[in-house]
Amino acid sequence: MHKALTIAGSDSGGGAGIQADLKTFMAHGVYGASAITAITAQNTLGVQAVELLSPDLVAAQIASVLDDIGADAVKTGMLGAAPIIERVAEVLRRYGVRQLVVDPVMVAKSGDRLLAADAVSALREALLPLALVITPNLPEASVLLGRPVRDEAAMRAAARDLHALGPRYVLLKGGHLSGDAVDVLYDGETYVELRAARIATRHTHGTGCTYAAAITALLARGLPVEQAVRQAREYLLGAIAAARPIGAGQGPVQHLWRGLPAIAQGS
């Protein structure tokens, strides 16, 4: 059986974070394990409270999973603070994790901050060099690079400079732009532009987590990076299109819009 580990925060509303990741893993026929970094009181209206777990407890969860169950691919999401980032990087290095997807979560859809301002350098220096793929949106790329990335013209230069920080692939997401939804995938040599018509809906809570989790699941199943990104994007667009109102605010995507996959015995 293919296995994936998510290292992220818990969303009590179920639309993002650990909950979105595990739903996405399941939707791709991948067994999901988790290491929780933070507990959030959160719903479709916003984040009401956040409490970070200790770095030691986060590290212990990762080690517990990797010692026994293992993981074909690992994803990080909300890490919260520099000490957690540093311990996560330390454990991932120790276990020689090669298929790491880093979603540099900084701010929730509601605008609530999920990463301490002083943790950005730790993310940049300790974690990005370990990543196979990083999946920043434009605001996150702007913070990581210390300059605005506001349009398509700036996306290629931003992807190039993010790649110089150490990850093997950069998937720069352009969902914050108007017009078509445009992402750029860069491997240090080639730019691949992924474009699709924008879906008219406000129910997009958890899109970043879901996209990165789908890439992780597909890598765990053995797909090469570009194919994993393309298929993950198709899955995400379907999940957005199938989203229905849940709660009074910005609802989540529909992670199981395809139905549950059949999982072959021994696969």
Protein backbone atom coordinates (compact mmCIF):
# COMPACT_ATOMS: atom_id res chain seq x y z
CA MET A 1 0.00 0.00 0.00
CA HIS A 2 1.20 3.50 -0.84
CA LYS A 3 1.68 5.73 2.22
CA ALA A 4 2.00 9.47 2.84
CA LEU A 5 2.63 11.58 5.93
CA THR A 6 1.31 15.09 6.48
CA ILE A 7 2.94 17.42 9.01
CA ALA A 8 0.51 20.29 9.55
CA GLY A 9 -2.05 21.99 11.76
CA SER A 10 -5.52 20.72 12.64
CA ASP A 11 -8.52 22.61 11.22
CA SER A 12 -11.53 22.00 13.47
CA GLY A 13 -13.80 22.95 10.56
CA GLY A 14 -12.41 20.09 8.50
CA GLY A 15 -11.71 22.02 5.30
CA ALA A 16 -7.96 22.61 5.46
CA GLY A 17 -4.85 21.41 7.26
CA ILE A 18 -4.52 17.83 8.49
CA GLN A 19 -8.17 17.07 7.76
CA ALA A 20 -7.96 18.21 4.13
CA ASP A 21 -4.70 16.34 3.63
CA LEU A 22 -6.05 13.04 4.93
CA LYS A 23 -9.21 13.34 2.83
CA THR A 24 -7.07 14.04 -0.23
CA PHE A 25 -4.76 11.10 0.45
CA MET A 26 -7.82 8.85 0.76
CA ALA A 27 -9.28 10.22 -2.47
CA HIS A 28 -6.09 9.08 -4.23
CA GLY A 29 -5.99 5.62 -2.68
CA VAL A 30 -3.07 6.45 -0.40
CA TYR A 31 -2.84 5.56 3.30
CA GLY A 32 -2.44 8.78 5.29
CA ALA A 33 -0.59 9.34 8.56
CA SER A 34 -0.21 12.66 10.37
CA ALA A 35 1.97 14.69 12.70
CA ILE A 36 0.02 17.62 14.14
CA THR A 37 1.90 20.88 14.66
CA ALA A 38 -0.92 23.06 15.98
CA ILE A 39 -4.55 22.99 17.08
CA THR A 40 -6.76 25.68 15.58
CA ALA A 41 -10.28 26.68 16.51
CA GLN A 42 -11.43 27.38 12.96
CA ASN A 43 -14.53 27.39 10.80
CA THR A 44 -15.65 28.86 7.47
CA LEU A 45 -15.66 32.37 9.01
CA GLY A 46 -12.05 32.41 10.21
CA VAL A 47 -9.57 31.29 12.85
CA GLN A 48 -10.65 31.99 16.41
CA ALA A 49 -7.71 30.47 18.33
CA VAL A 50 -4.36 28.75 17.70
CA GLU A 51 -2.17 26.75 20.03
CA LEU A 52 1.15 25.31 18.83
CA LEU A 53 2.38 21.94 20.03
CA SER A 54 5.91 21.61 21.39
CA PRO A 55 8.68 20.98 18.85
CA ASP A 56 9.61 17.79 20.71
CA LEU A 57 6.09 16.41 20.42
CA VAL A 58 5.92 17.25 16.72
CA ALA A 59 9.27 15.53 16.15
CA ALA A 60 8.13 12.49 18.17
CA GLN A 61 5.03 12.09 16.00
CA ILE A 62 7.10 12.14 12.81
CA ALA A 63 9.61 9.64 14.17
CA SER A 64 6.83 7.37 15.42
CA VAL A 65 5.25 7.19 11.97
CA LEU A 66 8.50 6.80 10.03
CA ASP A 67 9.93 4.18 12.42
CA ASP A 68 6.94 1.88 12.00
CA ILE A 69 4.70 2.74 9.05
CA GLY A 70 7.05 4.67 6.79
CA ALA A 71 6.04 7.11 4.07
CA ASP A 72 6.54 7.13 0.30
CA ALA A 73 6.12 10.92 0.36
CA VAL A 74 5.82 13.60 3.04
CA LYS A 75 4.06 16.97 3.03
CA THR A 76 4.44 19.93 5.36
CA GLY A 77 1.76 22.57 5.84
CA MET A 78 1.25 24.90 8.80
CA LEU A 79 4.37 24.77 10.97
CA GLY A 80 3.71 27.89 13.00
CA ALA A 81 7.08 28.87 14.45
CA ALA A 82 10.83 28.64 13.89
CA PRO A 83 11.54 26.01 16.59
CA ILE A 84 9.00 23.64 15.02
CA ILE A 85 10.39 24.22 11.54
CA GLU A 86 13.92 23.52 12.72
CA ARG A 87 12.94 20.28 14.50
CA VAL A 88 10.88 19.10 11.54
CA ALA A 89 13.82 19.70 9.19
CA GLU A 90 16.15 17.90 11.59
CA VAL A 91 13.95 14.79 11.73
CA LEU A 92 13.34 14.72 7.97
CA ARG A 93 17.09 14.93 7.35
CA ARG A 94 17.73 12.14 9.84
CA TYR A 95 15.29 9.82 8.09
CA GLY A 96 16.54 10.76 4.63
CA VAL A 97 13.13 11.82 3.32
CA ARG A 98 13.49 12.47 -0.41
CA GLN A 99 9.96 13.09 -1.63
CA LEU A 100 9.07 16.15 0.43
CA VAL A 101 6.38 18.63 -0.62
CA VAL A 102 6.56 21.93 1.27
CA ASP A 103 3.45 24.08 1.31
CA PRO A 104 4.75 27.25 3.02
CA VAL A 105 1.51 28.08 4.84
CA MET A 106 1.61 31.60 6.24
CA VAL A 107 -1.92 33.03 6.21
CA ALA A 108 -5.37 31.40 6.22
CA LYS A 109 -7.97 32.24 3.55
CA SER A 110 -9.67 34.40 6.18
CA GLY A 111 -6.50 36.51 6.51
CA ASP A 112 -5.49 35.09 9.89
CA ARG A 113 -1.71 34.64 10.21
CA LEU A 114 -0.55 31.03 10.67
CA LEU A 115 3.24 31.53 10.68
CA ALA A 116 5.18 33.80 13.02
CA ALA A 117 6.94 36.59 11.17
CA ASP A 118 10.31 35.61 12.60
CA ALA A 119 9.92 32.02 11.30
CA VAL A 120 10.28 32.90 7.62
CA SER A 121 14.08 32.69 7.66
CA ALA A 122 13.90 29.25 9.30
CA LEU A 123 11.52 28.08 6.60
CA ARG A 124 13.76 29.49 3.90
CA GLU A 125 17.04 28.16 5.28
CA ALA A 126 16.16 24.90 7.05
CA LEU A 127 13.25 23.41 5.11
CA LEU A 128 13.22 24.62 1.51
CA PRO A 129 16.60 23.01 0.69
CA LEU A 130 15.13 19.61 1.66
CA ALA A 131 12.10 19.91 -0.62
CA LEU A 132 11.44 18.07 -3.84
CA VAL A 133 8.57 20.49 -4.53
CA ILE A 134 7.47 23.75 -2.92
CA THR A 135 3.99 25.16 -3.58
CA PRO A 136 3.84 28.86 -2.58
CA ASN A 137 1.08 31.19 -3.70
CA LEU A 138 1.98 34.73 -4.73
CA PRO A 139 1.74 36.33 -1.25
CA GLU A 140 3.89 33.53 0.20
CA ALA A 141 6.43 33.90 -2.61
CA SER A 142 6.53 37.63 -1.94
CA VAL A 143 7.36 37.03 1.74
CA LEU A 144 9.99 34.38 0.97
CA LEU A 145 11.70 36.64 -1.58
CA GLY A 146 11.21 39.96 0.19
CA ARG A 147 9.64 41.60 -2.85
CA PRO A 148 6.15 41.76 -4.39
CA VAL A 149 5.09 39.18 -6.98
CA ARG A 150 1.98 40.75 -8.40
CA ASP A 151 1.55 39.60 -11.98
CA GLU A 152 2.32 36.89 -14.52
CA ALA A 153 5.37 38.77 -15.75
CA ALA A 154 6.97 38.51 -12.30
CA MET A 155 6.11 34.84 -11.77
CA ARG A 156 8.93 33.33 -13.84
CA ALA A 157 11.61 35.43 -12.14
CA ALA A 158 10.11 34.57 -8.75
CA ALA A 159 10.07 30.84 -9.56
CA ARG A 160 13.73 31.06 -10.61
CA ASP A 161 14.76 32.85 -7.41
CA LEU A 162 12.76 30.46 -5.22
CA HIS A 163 14.48 27.54 -6.94
CA ALA A 164 17.82 29.07 -5.97
CA LEU A 165 16.84 28.58 -2.31
CA GLY A 166 17.23 24.83 -2.74
CA PRO A 167 14.05 22.98 -3.77
CA ARG A 168 14.26 20.85 -6.91
CA TYR A 169 10.89 22.06 -8.23
CA VAL A 170 8.92 25.25 -7.63
CA LEU A 171 5.18 25.30 -8.25
CA LEU A 172 4.23 28.98 -8.05
CA LYS A 173 0.45 29.33 -7.80
CA GLY A 174 -1.20 32.34 -9.41
CA GLY A 175 -4.66 31.98 -7.90
CA HIS A 176 -4.49 35.49 -6.42
CA LEU A 177 -4.38 37.06 -9.88
CA SER A 178 -7.50 38.07 -11.79
CA GLY A 179 -8.46 36.31 -15.01
CA ASP A 180 -7.44 32.73 -15.75
CA ALA A 181 -5.91 30.63 -12.97
CA VAL A 182 -2.23 30.36 -13.93
CA ASP A 183 0.46 28.31 -12.18
CA VAL A 184 4.14 28.04 -13.12
CA LEU A 185 6.21 24.88 -12.54
CA TYR A 186 10.00 25.34 -12.72
CA ASP A 187 12.76 22.75 -12.35
CA GLY A 188 15.80 24.97 -12.74
CA GLU A 189 15.78 24.75 -16.54
CA THR A 190 12.24 24.55 -17.91
CA TYR A 191 9.13 26.58 -17.18
CA VAL A 192 5.78 24.82 -17.54
CA GLU A 193 2.72 27.07 -17.54
CA LEU A 194 -0.54 25.55 -16.31
CA ARG A 195 -3.62 27.59 -17.19
CA ALA A 196 -7.34 27.04 -16.64
CA ALA A 197 -10.50 29.12 -16.64
CA ARG A 198 -11.34 30.44 -13.19
CA ILE A 199 -14.29 28.77 -11.45
CA ALA A 200 -16.84 31.23 -10.08
CA THR A 201 -17.24 30.24 -6.42
CA ARG A 202 -16.33 31.58 -3.00
CA HIS A 203 -16.00 28.06 -1.57
CA THR A 204 -12.25 27.61 -1.86
CA HIS A 205 -11.21 27.01 1.75
CA GLY A 206 -8.34 24.51 1.84
CA THR A 207 -7.32 24.76 -1.81
CA GLY A 208 -3.61 25.18 -1.06
CA CYS A 209 -3.53 22.26 1.38
CA THR A 210 -5.53 20.09 -1.01
CA TYR A 211 -3.34 20.86 -4.03
CA ALA A 212 -0.12 20.08 -2.18
CA ALA A 213 -1.62 16.95 -0.59
CA ALA A 214 -2.74 15.66 -3.99
CA ILE A 215 0.79 16.16 -5.35
CA THR A 216 2.15 14.29 -2.33
CA ALA A 217 -0.27 11.39 -2.80
CA LEU A 218 0.56 11.08 -6.49
CA LEU A 219 4.30 11.17 -5.77
CA ALA A 220 3.70 8.41 -3.21
CA ARG A 221 2.04 6.41 -5.98
CA GLY A 222 5.19 6.76 -8.09
CA LEU A 223 4.32 9.52 -10.56
CA PRO A 224 7.06 11.89 -11.75
CA VAL A 225 6.76 15.47 -10.53
CA GLU A 226 5.28 17.16 -13.60
CA GLN A 227 2.67 14.45 -14.07
CA ALA A 228 1.83 14.55 -10.36
CA VAL A 229 1.35 18.33 -10.50
CA ARG A 230 -0.84 18.15 -13.62
CA GLN A 231 -3.07 15.42 -12.18
CA ALA A 232 -3.24 17.14 -8.79
CA ARG A 233 -4.35 20.35 -10.49
CA GLU A 234 -7.11 18.54 -12.39
CA TYR A 235 -8.26 16.97 -9.13
CA LEU A 236 -8.28 20.36 -7.38
CA LEU A 237 -10.27 22.04 -10.15
CA GLY A 238 -12.87 19.28 -9.89
CA ALA A 239 -12.98 19.65 -6.11
CA ILE A 240 -13.54 23.41 -6.43
CA ALA A 241 -16.26 22.94 -9.05
CA ALA A 242 -18.05 20.40 -6.84
CA ALA A 243 -17.89 22.54 -3.66
CA ARG A 244 -21.19 23.24 -1.93
CA PRO A 245 -22.00 25.72 0.86
CA ILE A 246 -20.97 24.50 4.31
CA GLY A 247 -21.24 27.00 7.17
CA ALA A 248 -21.89 30.72 6.85
CA GLY A 249 -18.58 31.75 5.30
CA GLN A 250 -16.02 30.51 2.78
CA GLY A 251 -16.73 26.80 2.51
CA PRO A 252 -14.28 24.00 1.70
CA VAL A 253 -13.71 22.22 -1.58
CA GLN A 254 -15.28 18.77 -2.10
CA HIS A 255 -12.39 16.37 -1.57
CA LEU A 256 -14.31 13.23 -2.50
CA TRP A 257 -15.93 14.54 -5.68
CA ARG A 258 -14.73 11.50 -7.61
CA GLY A 259 -15.97 9.05 -4.99
CA LEU A 260 -13.66 6.74 -3.09
CA PRO A 261 -11.11 4.89 -5.22
CA ALA A 262 -10.74 1.13 -5.25
CA ILE A 263 -7.48 0.13 -3.56
CA ALA A 264 -5.97 -3.09 -4.86
CA GLN A 265 -4.78 -5.54 -2.26
CA GLY A 266 -1.02 -5.39 -1.82
CA SER A 267 -0.63 -2.22 -3.90
